[in-house]
Amino acid sequence: MKYKGTLGCVSGLALACAAFAAQATEEIKGAGGGMSAATATPSAVTQAMHDNAAKDGQNFLQTNGNYGQSRFYPAGQINAQNVARLHPAWIFQTDVLDSL
């Protein structure tokens, strides 16, 4: 692909990021290899969903997981049998020497 100017580079980067995110989503769902044209339809998040976030294995709605900030995700997708197969999907490094 050839892009003209900064806007083209930014657009190309955005497309590459979107494609990567789509592939990562499919891998998380367990689909494996290829990329899919299917997209998720967002739904409204209610107060009841936030109140029950600690028990919700389908969504990670809040920073640190829930109001108690336990950082625990109750889904059974990752378990004792498959945890060893986890690997980093991406790494972002900055030149900031202090903590973020």
PDB file of N, CA and C in Angstrom:
ATOM      1  N   MET A   1       0.834  -1.182   0.000  1.00  0.00           N
ATOM      2  CA  MET A   1       0.000   0.000   0.000  1.00  0.00           C
ATOM      3  C   MET A   1       0.869   1.231   0.000  1.00  0.00           C
ATOM      4  N   LYS A   2       0.412   2.251  -0.675  1.00  0.00           N
ATOM      5  CA  LYS A   2       1.152   3.497  -0.709  1.00  0.00           C
ATOM      6  C   LYS A   2       0.241   4.605  -0.193  1.00  0.00           C
ATOM      7  N   TYR A   3       0.752   5.414   0.741  1.00  0.00           N
ATOM      8  CA  TYR A   3      -0.029   6.494   1.336  1.00  0.00           C
ATOM      9  C   TYR A   3       0.665   7.814   1.075  1.00  0.00           C
ATOM     10  N   LYS A   4      -0.131   8.847   0.831  1.00  0.00           N
ATOM     11  CA  LYS A   4       0.433  10.180   0.620  1.00  0.00           C
ATOM     12  C   LYS A   4       0.269  11.001   1.884  1.00  0.00           C
ATOM     13  N   GLY A   5       1.347  11.578   2.350  1.00  0.00           N
ATOM     14  CA  GLY A   5       1.310  12.509   3.470  1.00  0.00           C
ATOM     15  C   GLY A   5       1.013  11.839   4.804  1.00  0.00           C
ATOM     16  N   THR A   6       0.950  12.660   5.835  1.00  0.00           N
ATOM     17  CA  THR A   6       0.735  12.185   7.193  1.00  0.00           C
ATOM     18  C   THR A   6      -0.636  11.564   7.366  1.00  0.00           C
ATOM     19  N   LEU A   7      -1.676  12.158   6.780  1.00  0.00           N
ATOM     20  CA  LEU A   7      -3.026  11.637   6.940  1.00  0.00           C
ATOM     21  C   LEU A   7      -3.122  10.217   6.408  1.00  0.00           C
ATOM     22  N   GLY A   8      -2.464   9.960   5.296  1.00  0.00           N
ATOM     23  CA  GLY A   8      -2.466   8.614   4.736  1.00  0.00           C
ATOM     24  C   GLY A   8      -1.794   7.615   5.653  1.00  0.00           C
ATOM     25  N   CYS A   9      -0.695   8.012   6.286  1.00  0.00           N
ATOM     26  CA  CYS A   9       0.009   7.134   7.221  1.00  0.00           C
ATOM     27  C   CYS A   9      -0.858   6.841   8.432  1.00  0.00           C
ATOM     28  N   VAL A  10      -1.520   7.878   8.942  1.00  0.00           N
ATOM     29  CA  VAL A  10      -2.395   7.698  10.097  1.00  0.00           C
ATOM     30  C   VAL A  10      -3.553   6.789   9.723  1.00  0.00           C
ATOM     31  N   SER A  11      -4.139   6.988   8.541  1.00  0.00           N
ATOM     32  CA  SER A  11      -5.243   6.140   8.095  1.00  0.00           C
ATOM     33  C   SER A  11      -4.785   4.701   7.940  1.00  0.00           C
ATOM     34  N   GLY A  12      -3.611   4.509   7.375  1.00  0.00           N
ATOM     35  CA  GLY A  12      -3.072   3.165   7.215  1.00  0.00           C
ATOM     36  C   GLY A  12      -2.829   2.497   8.557  1.00  0.00           C
ATOM     37  N   LEU A  13      -2.303   3.245   9.516  1.00  0.00           N
ATOM     38  CA  LEU A  13      -2.071   2.709  10.845  1.00  0.00           C
ATOM     39  C   LEU A  13      -3.386   2.340  11.507  1.00  0.00           C
ATOM     40  N   ALA A  14      -4.394   3.193  11.359  1.00  0.00           N
ATOM     41  CA  ALA A  14      -5.709   2.916  11.945  1.00  0.00           C
ATOM     42  C   ALA A  14      -6.300   1.640  11.350  1.00  0.00           C
ATOM     43  N   LEU A  15      -6.168   1.450  10.049  1.00  0.00           N
ATOM     44  CA  LEU A  15      -6.677   0.234   9.407  1.00  0.00           C
ATOM     45  C   LEU A  15      -5.940  -1.003   9.902  1.00  0.00           C
ATOM     46  N   ALA A  16      -4.624  -0.883  10.052  1.00  0.00           N
ATOM     47  CA  ALA A  16      -3.835  -2.018  10.538  1.00  0.00           C
ATOM     48  C   ALA A  16      -4.225  -2.366  11.974  1.00  0.00           C
ATOM     49  N   CYS A  17      -4.433  -1.356  12.810  1.00  0.00           N
ATOM     50  CA  CYS A  17      -4.839  -1.590  14.201  1.00  0.00           C
ATOM     51  C   CYS A  17      -6.212  -2.242  14.256  1.00  0.00           C
ATOM     52  N   ALA A  18      -7.133  -1.781  13.428  1.00  0.00           N
ATOM     53  CA  ALA A  18      -8.479  -2.352  13.398  1.00  0.00           C
ATOM     54  C   ALA A  18      -8.434  -3.820  12.971  1.00  0.00           C
ATOM     55  N   ALA A  19      -7.617  -4.129  11.985  1.00  0.00           N
ATOM     56  CA  ALA A  19      -7.489  -5.515  11.528  1.00  0.00           C
ATOM     57  C   ALA A  19      -6.892  -6.393  12.622  1.00  0.00           C
ATOM     58  N   PHE A  20      -5.885  -5.875  13.317  1.00  0.00           N
ATOM     59  CA  PHE A  20      -5.261  -6.624  14.413  1.00  0.00           C
ATOM     60  C   PHE A  20      -6.266  -6.872  15.522  1.00  0.00           C
ATOM     61  N   ALA A  21      -7.048  -5.849  15.875  1.00  0.00           N
ATOM     62  CA  ALA A  21      -8.052  -5.983  16.934  1.00  0.00           C
ATOM     63  C   ALA A  21      -9.100  -7.018  16.551  1.00  0.00           C
ATOM     64  N   ALA A  22      -9.526  -7.016  15.289  1.00  0.00           N
ATOM     65  CA  ALA A  22     -10.520  -7.987  14.837  1.00  0.00           C
ATOM     66  C   ALA A  22      -9.969  -9.407  14.942  1.00  0.00           C
ATOM     67  N   GLN A  23      -8.712  -9.599  14.562  1.00  0.00           N
ATOM     68  CA  GLN A  23      -8.103 -10.930  14.634  1.00  0.00           C
ATOM     69  C   GLN A  23      -7.955 -11.364  16.087  1.00  0.00           C
ATOM     70  N   ALA A  24      -7.550 -10.451  16.966  1.00  0.00           N
ATOM     71  CA  ALA A  24      -7.392 -10.777  18.383  1.00  0.00           C
ATOM     72  C   ALA A  24      -8.728 -11.164  18.989  1.00  0.00           C
ATOM     73  N   THR A  25      -9.805 -10.465  18.598  1.00  0.00           N
ATOM     74  CA  THR A  25     -11.138 -10.780  19.100  1.00  0.00           C
ATOM     75  C   THR A  25     -11.537 -12.193  18.700  1.00  0.00           C
ATOM     76  N   GLU A  26     -11.255 -12.568  17.469  1.00  0.00           N
ATOM     77  CA  GLU A  26     -11.585 -13.915  17.002  1.00  0.00           C
ATOM     78  C   GLU A  26     -10.774 -14.961  17.760  1.00  0.00           C
ATOM     79  N   GLU A  27      -9.506 -14.675  18.059  1.00  0.00           N
ATOM     80  CA  GLU A  27      -8.688 -15.619  18.798  1.00  0.00           C
ATOM     81  C   GLU A  27      -9.218 -15.796  20.212  1.00  0.00           C
ATOM     82  N   ILE A  28      -9.651 -14.709  20.823  1.00  0.00           N
ATOM     83  CA  ILE A  28     -10.207 -14.783  22.171  1.00  0.00           C
ATOM     84  C   ILE A  28     -11.467 -15.629  22.172  1.00  0.00           C
ATOM     85  N   LYS A  29     -12.283 -15.500  21.129  1.00  0.00           N
ATOM     86  CA  LYS A  29     -13.507 -16.285  21.029  1.00  0.00           C
ATOM     87  C   LYS A  29     -13.214 -17.750  20.764  1.00  0.00           C
ATOM     88  N   GLY A  30     -11.979 -18.073  20.412  1.00  0.00           N
ATOM     89  CA  GLY A  30     -11.604 -19.453  20.171  1.00  0.00           C
ATOM     90  C   GLY A  30     -11.729 -19.858  18.723  1.00  0.00           C
ATOM     91  N   ALA A  31     -11.903 -18.880  17.831  1.00  0.00           N
ATOM     92  CA  ALA A  31     -12.081 -19.199  16.417  1.00  0.00           C
ATOM     93  C   ALA A  31     -10.777 -19.588  15.752  1.00  0.00           C
ATOM     94  N   GLY A  32      -9.655 -19.260  16.373  1.00  0.00           N
ATOM     95  CA  GLY A  32      -8.368 -19.638  15.808  1.00  0.00           C
ATOM     96  C   GLY A  32      -7.871 -18.664  14.777  1.00  0.00           C
ATOM     97  N   GLY A  33      -7.492 -19.173  13.601  1.00  0.00           N
ATOM     98  CA  GLY A  33      -6.756 -18.432  12.610  1.00  0.00           C
ATOM     99  C   GLY A  33      -7.345 -17.210  11.979  1.00  0.00           C
ATOM    100  N   GLY A  34      -8.241 -17.344  11.044  1.00  0.00           N
ATOM    101  CA  GLY A  34      -8.607 -16.257  10.155  1.00  0.00           C
ATOM    102  C   GLY A  34      -9.347 -15.108  10.779  1.00  0.00           C
ATOM    103  N   MET A  35      -9.462 -14.055   9.972  1.00  0.00           N
ATOM    104  CA  MET A  35     -10.188 -12.880  10.410  1.00  0.00           C
ATOM    105  C   MET A  35     -11.627 -12.992   9.930  1.00  0.00           C
ATOM    106  N   SER A  36     -12.545 -12.385  10.652  1.00  0.00           N
ATOM    107  CA  SER A  36     -13.960 -12.472  10.324  1.00  0.00           C
ATOM    108  C   SER A  36     -14.515 -11.091  10.049  1.00  0.00           C
ATOM    109  N   ALA A  37     -15.515 -11.037   9.162  1.00  0.00           N
ATOM    110  CA  ALA A  37     -16.176  -9.767   8.867  1.00  0.00           C
ATOM    111  C   ALA A  37     -17.251  -9.468   9.896  1.00  0.00           C
ATOM    112  N   ALA A  38     -17.593 -10.426  10.744  1.00  0.00           N
ATOM    113  CA  ALA A  38     -18.639 -10.225  11.741  1.00  0.00           C
ATOM    114  C   ALA A  38     -18.173  -9.245  12.805  1.00  0.00           C
ATOM    115  N   THR A  39     -19.065  -8.373  13.222  1.00  0.00           N
ATOM    116  CA  THR A  39     -18.745  -7.427  14.285  1.00  0.00           C
ATOM    117  C   THR A  39     -19.789  -7.538  15.383  1.00  0.00           C
ATOM    118  N   ALA A  40     -19.381  -7.247  16.597  1.00  0.00           N
ATOM    119  CA  ALA A  40     -20.297  -7.293  17.727  1.00  0.00           C
ATOM    120  C   ALA A  40     -21.168  -6.042  17.746  1.00  0.00           C
ATOM    121  N   THR A  41     -22.402  -6.204  18.141  1.00  0.00           N
ATOM    122  CA  THR A  41     -23.311  -5.072  18.272  1.00  0.00           C
ATOM    123  C   THR A  41     -23.286  -4.629  19.723  1.00  0.00           C
ATOM    124  N   PRO A  42     -22.914  -3.386  19.980  1.00  0.00           N
ATOM    125  CA  PRO A  42     -22.866  -2.933  21.373  1.00  0.00           C
ATOM    126  C   PRO A  42     -24.269  -2.849  21.971  1.00  0.00           C
ATOM    127  N   SER A  43     -24.366  -3.128  23.251  1.00  0.00           N
ATOM    128  CA  SER A  43     -25.647  -3.016  23.940  1.00  0.00           C
ATOM    129  C   SER A  43     -25.505  -2.013  25.081  1.00  0.00           C
ATOM    130  N   ALA A  44     -26.637  -1.544  25.554  1.00  0.00           N
ATOM    131  CA  ALA A  44     -26.632  -0.555  26.631  1.00  0.00           C
ATOM    132  C   ALA A  44     -26.156  -1.196  27.926  1.00  0.00           C
ATOM    133  N   VAL A  45     -25.340  -0.482  28.668  1.00  0.00           N
ATOM    134  CA  VAL A  45     -24.873  -0.942  29.963  1.00  0.00           C
ATOM    135  C   VAL A  45     -25.738  -0.274  31.024  1.00  0.00           C
ATOM    136  N   THR A  46     -26.358  -1.076  31.862  1.00  0.00           N
ATOM    137  CA  THR A  46     -27.268  -0.559  32.880  1.00  0.00           C
ATOM    138  C   THR A  46     -26.564  -0.469  34.235  1.00  0.00           C
ATOM    139  N   GLN A  47     -27.191   0.216  35.164  1.00  0.00           N
ATOM    140  CA  GLN A  47     -26.645   0.304  36.515  1.00  0.00           C
ATOM    141  C   GLN A  47     -26.613  -1.070  37.164  1.00  0.00           C
ATOM    142  N   ALA A  48     -27.629  -1.886  36.892  1.00  0.00           N
ATOM    143  CA  ALA A  48     -27.656  -3.244  37.449  1.00  0.00           C
ATOM    144  C   ALA A  48     -26.452  -4.053  36.960  1.00  0.00           C
ATOM    145  N   MET A  49     -26.059  -3.856  35.701  1.00  0.00           N
ATOM    146  CA  MET A  49     -24.885  -4.561  35.177  1.00  0.00           C
ATOM    147  C   MET A  49     -23.625  -4.129  35.925  1.00  0.00           C
ATOM    148  N   HIS A  50     -23.510  -2.837  36.209  1.00  0.00           N
ATOM    149  CA  HIS A  50     -22.354  -2.352  36.982  1.00  0.00           C
ATOM    150  C   HIS A  50     -22.388  -2.913  38.397  1.00  0.00           C
ATOM    151  N   ASP A  51     -23.577  -2.944  39.007  1.00  0.00           N
ATOM    152  CA  ASP A  51     -23.700  -3.451  40.370  1.00  0.00           C
ATOM    153  C   ASP A  51     -23.294  -4.916  40.477  1.00  0.00           C
ATOM    154  N   ASN A  52     -23.514  -5.687  39.410  1.00  0.00           N
ATOM    155  CA  ASN A  52     -23.214  -7.119  39.412  1.00  0.00           C
ATOM    156  C   ASN A  52     -21.953  -7.468  38.628  1.00  0.00           C
ATOM    157  N   ALA A  53     -21.114  -6.489  38.382  1.00  0.00           N
ATOM    158  CA  ALA A  53     -19.922  -6.692  37.551  1.00  0.00           C
ATOM    159  C   ALA A  53     -18.984  -7.756  38.115  1.00  0.00           C
ATOM    160  N   ALA A  54     -18.930  -7.899  39.419  1.00  0.00           N
ATOM    161  CA  ALA A  54     -18.016  -8.871  40.029  1.00  0.00           C
ATOM    162  C   ALA A  54     -18.388 -10.305  39.672  1.00  0.00           C
ATOM    163  N   LYS A  55     -19.655 -10.545  39.296  1.00  0.00           N
ATOM    164  CA  LYS A  55     -20.109 -11.902  38.962  1.00  0.00           C
ATOM    165  C   LYS A  55     -20.306 -12.098  37.464  1.00  0.00           C
ATOM    166  N   ASP A  56     -20.051 -11.072  36.664  1.00  0.00           N
ATOM    167  CA  ASP A  56     -20.330 -11.124  35.226  1.00  0.00           C
ATOM    168  C   ASP A  56     -19.134 -11.676  34.463  1.00  0.00           C
ATOM    169  N   GLY A  57     -19.257 -12.899  33.976  1.00  0.00           N
ATOM    170  CA  GLY A  57     -18.185 -13.530  33.219  1.00  0.00           C
ATOM    171  C   GLY A  57     -18.244 -13.225  31.729  1.00  0.00           C
ATOM    172  N   GLN A  58     -19.175 -12.392  31.296  1.00  0.00           N
ATOM    173  CA  GLN A  58     -19.309 -12.059  29.885  1.00  0.00           C
ATOM    174  C   GLN A  58     -18.767 -10.671  29.553  1.00  0.00           C
ATOM    175  N   ASN A  59     -18.635  -9.818  30.553  1.00  0.00           N
ATOM    176  CA  ASN A  59     -18.216  -8.430  30.322  1.00  0.00           C
ATOM    177  C   ASN A  59     -17.206  -8.004  31.380  1.00  0.00           C
ATOM    178  N   PHE A  60     -16.331  -7.101  31.002  1.00  0.00           N
ATOM    179  CA  PHE A  60     -15.417  -6.478  31.960  1.00  0.00           C
ATOM    180  C   PHE A  60     -15.740  -4.992  31.891  1.00  0.00           C
ATOM    181  N   LEU A  61     -16.708  -4.565  32.689  1.00  0.00           N
ATOM    182  CA  LEU A  61     -17.321  -3.248  32.535  1.00  0.00           C
ATOM    183  C   LEU A  61     -16.588  -2.116  33.236  1.00  0.00           C
ATOM    184  N   GLN A  62     -15.797  -2.408  34.237  1.00  0.00           N
ATOM    185  CA  GLN A  62     -15.201  -1.342  35.031  1.00  0.00           C
ATOM    186  C   GLN A  62     -13.688  -1.511  35.133  1.00  0.00           C
ATOM    187  N   THR A  63     -13.021  -0.390  35.341  1.00  0.00           N
ATOM    188  CA  THR A  63     -11.595  -0.442  35.613  1.00  0.00           C
ATOM    189  C   THR A  63     -11.382  -1.309  36.844  1.00  0.00           C
ATOM    190  N   ASN A  64     -10.473  -2.240  36.773  1.00  0.00           N
ATOM    191  CA  ASN A  64     -10.179  -3.184  37.856  1.00  0.00           C
ATOM    192  C   ASN A  64     -11.315  -4.164  38.117  1.00  0.00           C
ATOM    193  N   GLY A  65     -12.291  -4.247  37.214  1.00  0.00           N
ATOM    194  CA  GLY A  65     -13.289  -5.302  37.262  1.00  0.00           C
ATOM    195  C   GLY A  65     -14.610  -5.016  37.928  1.00  0.00           C
ATOM    196  N   ASN A  66     -14.595  -4.277  39.040  1.00  0.00           N
ATOM    197  CA  ASN A  66     -15.839  -4.024  39.772  1.00  0.00           C
ATOM    198  C   ASN A  66     -15.631  -2.864  40.739  1.00  0.00           C
ATOM    199  N   TYR A  67     -16.695  -2.517  41.464  1.00  0.00           N
ATOM    200  CA  TYR A  67     -16.579  -1.403  42.409  1.00  0.00           C
ATOM    201  C   TYR A  67     -15.539  -1.678  43.492  1.00  0.00           C
ATOM    202  N   GLY A  68     -15.344  -2.932  43.863  1.00  0.00           N
ATOM    203  CA  GLY A  68     -14.342  -3.287  44.862  1.00  0.00           C
ATOM    204  C   GLY A  68     -12.927  -3.304  44.298  1.00  0.00           C
ATOM    205  N   GLN A  69     -12.776  -3.126  43.001  1.00  0.00           N
ATOM    206  CA  GLN A  69     -11.499  -3.109  42.287  1.00  0.00           C
ATOM    207  C   GLN A  69     -10.656  -4.352  42.582  1.00  0.00           C
ATOM    208  N   SER A  70     -11.299  -5.501  42.514  1.00  0.00           N
ATOM    209  CA  SER A  70     -10.613  -6.754  42.826  1.00  0.00           C
ATOM    210  C   SER A  70      -9.706  -7.239  41.699  1.00  0.00           C
ATOM    211  N   ARG A  71      -9.898  -6.706  40.489  1.00  0.00           N
ATOM    212  CA  ARG A  71      -9.137  -7.119  39.305  1.00  0.00           C
ATOM    213  C   ARG A  71      -9.325  -8.601  38.993  1.00  0.00           C
ATOM    214  N   PHE A  72     -10.436  -9.163  39.436  1.00  0.00           N
ATOM    215  CA  PHE A  72     -10.744 -10.567  39.193  1.00  0.00           C
ATOM    216  C   PHE A  72     -11.810 -10.666  38.107  1.00  0.00           C
ATOM    217  N   TYR A  73     -11.596 -11.557  37.158  1.00  0.00           N
ATOM    218  CA  TYR A  73     -12.565 -11.786  36.080  1.00  0.00           C
ATOM    219  C   TYR A  73     -13.116 -13.199  36.239  1.00  0.00           C
ATOM    220  N   PRO A  74     -14.401 -13.352  36.522  1.00  0.00           N
ATOM    221  CA  PRO A  74     -14.950 -14.658  36.885  1.00  0.00           C
ATOM    222  C   PRO A  74     -15.219 -15.621  35.731  1.00  0.00           C
ATOM    223  N   ALA A  75     -14.882 -15.276  34.516  1.00  0.00           N
ATOM    224  CA  ALA A  75     -15.162 -16.167  33.392  1.00  0.00           C
ATOM    225  C   ALA A  75     -14.334 -17.441  33.487  1.00  0.00           C
ATOM    226  N   GLY A  76     -14.860 -18.528  32.951  1.00  0.00           N
ATOM    227  CA  GLY A  76     -14.167 -19.793  32.967  1.00  0.00           C
ATOM    228  C   GLY A  76     -13.326 -20.016  31.719  1.00  0.00           C
ATOM    229  N   GLN A  77     -13.188 -18.989  30.882  1.00  0.00           N
ATOM    230  CA  GLN A  77     -12.445 -19.119  29.631  1.00  0.00           C
ATOM    231  C   GLN A  77     -10.980 -19.469  29.885  1.00  0.00           C
ATOM    232  N   ILE A  78     -10.408 -18.914  30.940  1.00  0.00           N
ATOM    233  CA  ILE A  78      -9.030 -19.232  31.321  1.00  0.00           C
ATOM    234  C   ILE A  78      -9.117 -20.085  32.580  1.00  0.00           C
ATOM    235  N   ASN A  79      -8.511 -21.262  32.532  1.00  0.00           N
ATOM    236  CA  ASN A  79      -8.593 -22.169  33.670  1.00  0.00           C
ATOM    237  C   ASN A  79      -7.246 -22.872  33.865  1.00  0.00           C
ATOM    238  N   ALA A  80      -7.194 -23.775  34.825  1.00  0.00           N
ATOM    239  CA  ALA A  80      -5.939 -24.455  35.157  1.00  0.00           C
ATOM    240  C   ALA A  80      -5.402 -25.278  33.985  1.00  0.00           C
ATOM    241  N   GLN A  81      -6.273 -25.750  33.109  1.00  0.00           N
ATOM    242  CA  GLN A  81      -5.834 -26.576  31.992  1.00  0.00           C
ATOM    243  C   GLN A  81      -5.253 -25.763  30.836  1.00  0.00           C
ATOM    244  N   ASN A  82      -5.694 -24.514  30.644  1.00  0.00           N
ATOM    245  CA  ASN A  82      -5.223 -23.763  29.475  1.00  0.00           C
ATOM    246  C   ASN A  82      -4.392 -22.526  29.798  1.00  0.00           C
ATOM    247  N   VAL A  83      -4.184 -22.217  31.059  1.00  0.00           N
ATOM    248  CA  VAL A  83      -3.465 -21.000  31.431  1.00  0.00           C
ATOM    249  C   VAL A  83      -2.025 -20.993  30.913  1.00  0.00           C
ATOM    250  N   ALA A  84      -1.416 -22.143  30.773  1.00  0.00           N
ATOM    251  CA  ALA A  84      -0.033 -22.212  30.296  1.00  0.00           C
ATOM    252  C   ALA A  84       0.091 -21.790  28.834  1.00  0.00           C
ATOM    253  N   ARG A  85      -1.009 -21.792  28.093  1.00  0.00           N
ATOM    254  CA  ARG A  85      -0.971 -21.405  26.681  1.00  0.00           C
ATOM    255  C   ARG A  85      -1.128 -19.898  26.469  1.00  0.00           C
ATOM    256  N   LEU A  86      -1.309 -19.122  27.533  1.00  0.00           N
ATOM    257  CA  LEU A  86      -1.427 -17.668  27.390  1.00  0.00           C
ATOM    258  C   LEU A  86      -0.111 -17.077  26.912  1.00  0.00           C
ATOM    259  N   HIS A  87      -0.193 -16.026  26.103  1.00  0.00           N
ATOM    260  CA  HIS A  87       1.002 -15.323  25.635  1.00  0.00           C
ATOM    261  C   HIS A  87       0.623 -13.871  25.373  1.00  0.00           C
ATOM    262  N   PRO A  88       1.588 -12.959  25.417  1.00  0.00           N
ATOM    263  CA  PRO A  88       1.283 -11.543  25.176  1.00  0.00           C
ATOM    264  C   PRO A  88       0.751 -11.342  23.762  1.00  0.00           C
ATOM    265  N   ALA A  89      -0.326 -10.567  23.642  1.00  0.00           N
ATOM    266  CA  ALA A  89      -0.879 -10.235  22.330  1.00  0.00           C
ATOM    267  C   ALA A  89      -0.194  -8.992  21.772  1.00  0.00           C
ATOM    268  N   TRP A  90       0.165  -8.063  22.638  1.00  0.00           N
ATOM    269  CA  TRP A  90       0.871  -6.865  22.219  1.00  0.00           C
ATOM    270  C   TRP A  90       1.526  -6.219  23.424  1.00  0.00           C
ATOM    271  N   ILE A  91       2.513  -5.388  23.156  1.00  0.00           N
ATOM    272  CA  ILE A  91       3.237  -4.660  24.202  1.00  0.00           C
ATOM    273  C   ILE A  91       3.362  -3.213  23.750  1.00  0.00           C
ATOM    274  N   PHE A  92       3.106  -2.292  24.647  1.00  0.00           N
ATOM    275  CA  PHE A  92       3.258  -0.876  24.356  1.00  0.00           C
ATOM    276  C   PHE A  92       4.299  -0.315  25.313  1.00  0.00           C
ATOM    277  N   GLN A  93       5.366   0.242  24.779  1.00  0.00           N
ATOM    278  CA  GLN A  93       6.413   0.808  25.614  1.00  0.00           C
ATOM    279  C   GLN A  93       6.515   2.305  25.354  1.00  0.00           C
ATOM    280  N   THR A  94       6.730   3.052  26.420  1.00  0.00           N
ATOM    281  CA  THR A  94       6.915   4.503  26.286  1.00  0.00           C
ATOM    282  C   THR A  94       8.321   4.857  26.772  1.00  0.00           C
ATOM    283  N   ASP A  95       8.684   6.100  26.549  1.00  0.00           N
ATOM    284  CA  ASP A  95       9.967   6.587  27.053  1.00  0.00           C
ATOM    285  C   ASP A  95       9.828   7.192  28.446  1.00  0.00           C
ATOM    286  N   VAL A  96       8.663   7.025  29.046  1.00  0.00           N
ATOM    287  CA  VAL A  96       8.411   7.564  30.383  1.00  0.00           C
ATOM    288  C   VAL A  96       9.139   6.698  31.393  1.00  0.00           C
ATOM    289  N   LEU A  97      10.000   7.303  32.195  1.00  0.00           N
ATOM    290  CA  LEU A  97      10.769   6.548  33.187  1.00  0.00           C
ATOM    291  C   LEU A  97      10.030   6.440  34.513  1.00  0.00           C
ATOM    292  N   ASP A  98       9.122   7.385  34.783  1.00  0.00           N
ATOM    293  CA  ASP A  98       8.328   7.327  36.004  1.00  0.00           C
ATOM    294  C   ASP A  98       7.146   6.397  35.773  1.00  0.00           C
ATOM    295  N   SER A  99       6.423   6.078  36.812  1.00  0.00           N
ATOM    296  CA  SER A  99       5.260   5.180  36.648  1.00  0.00           C
ATOM    297  C   SER A  99       4.143   5.920  35.937  1.00  0.00           C
ATOM    298  N   LEU A 100       3.346   5.170  35.241  1.00  0.00           N
ATOM    299  CA  LEU A 100       2.180   5.754  34.576  1.00  0.00           C
ATOM    300  C   LEU A 100       1.063   5.857  35.570  1.00  0.00           C
TER     301      LEU A 100
END
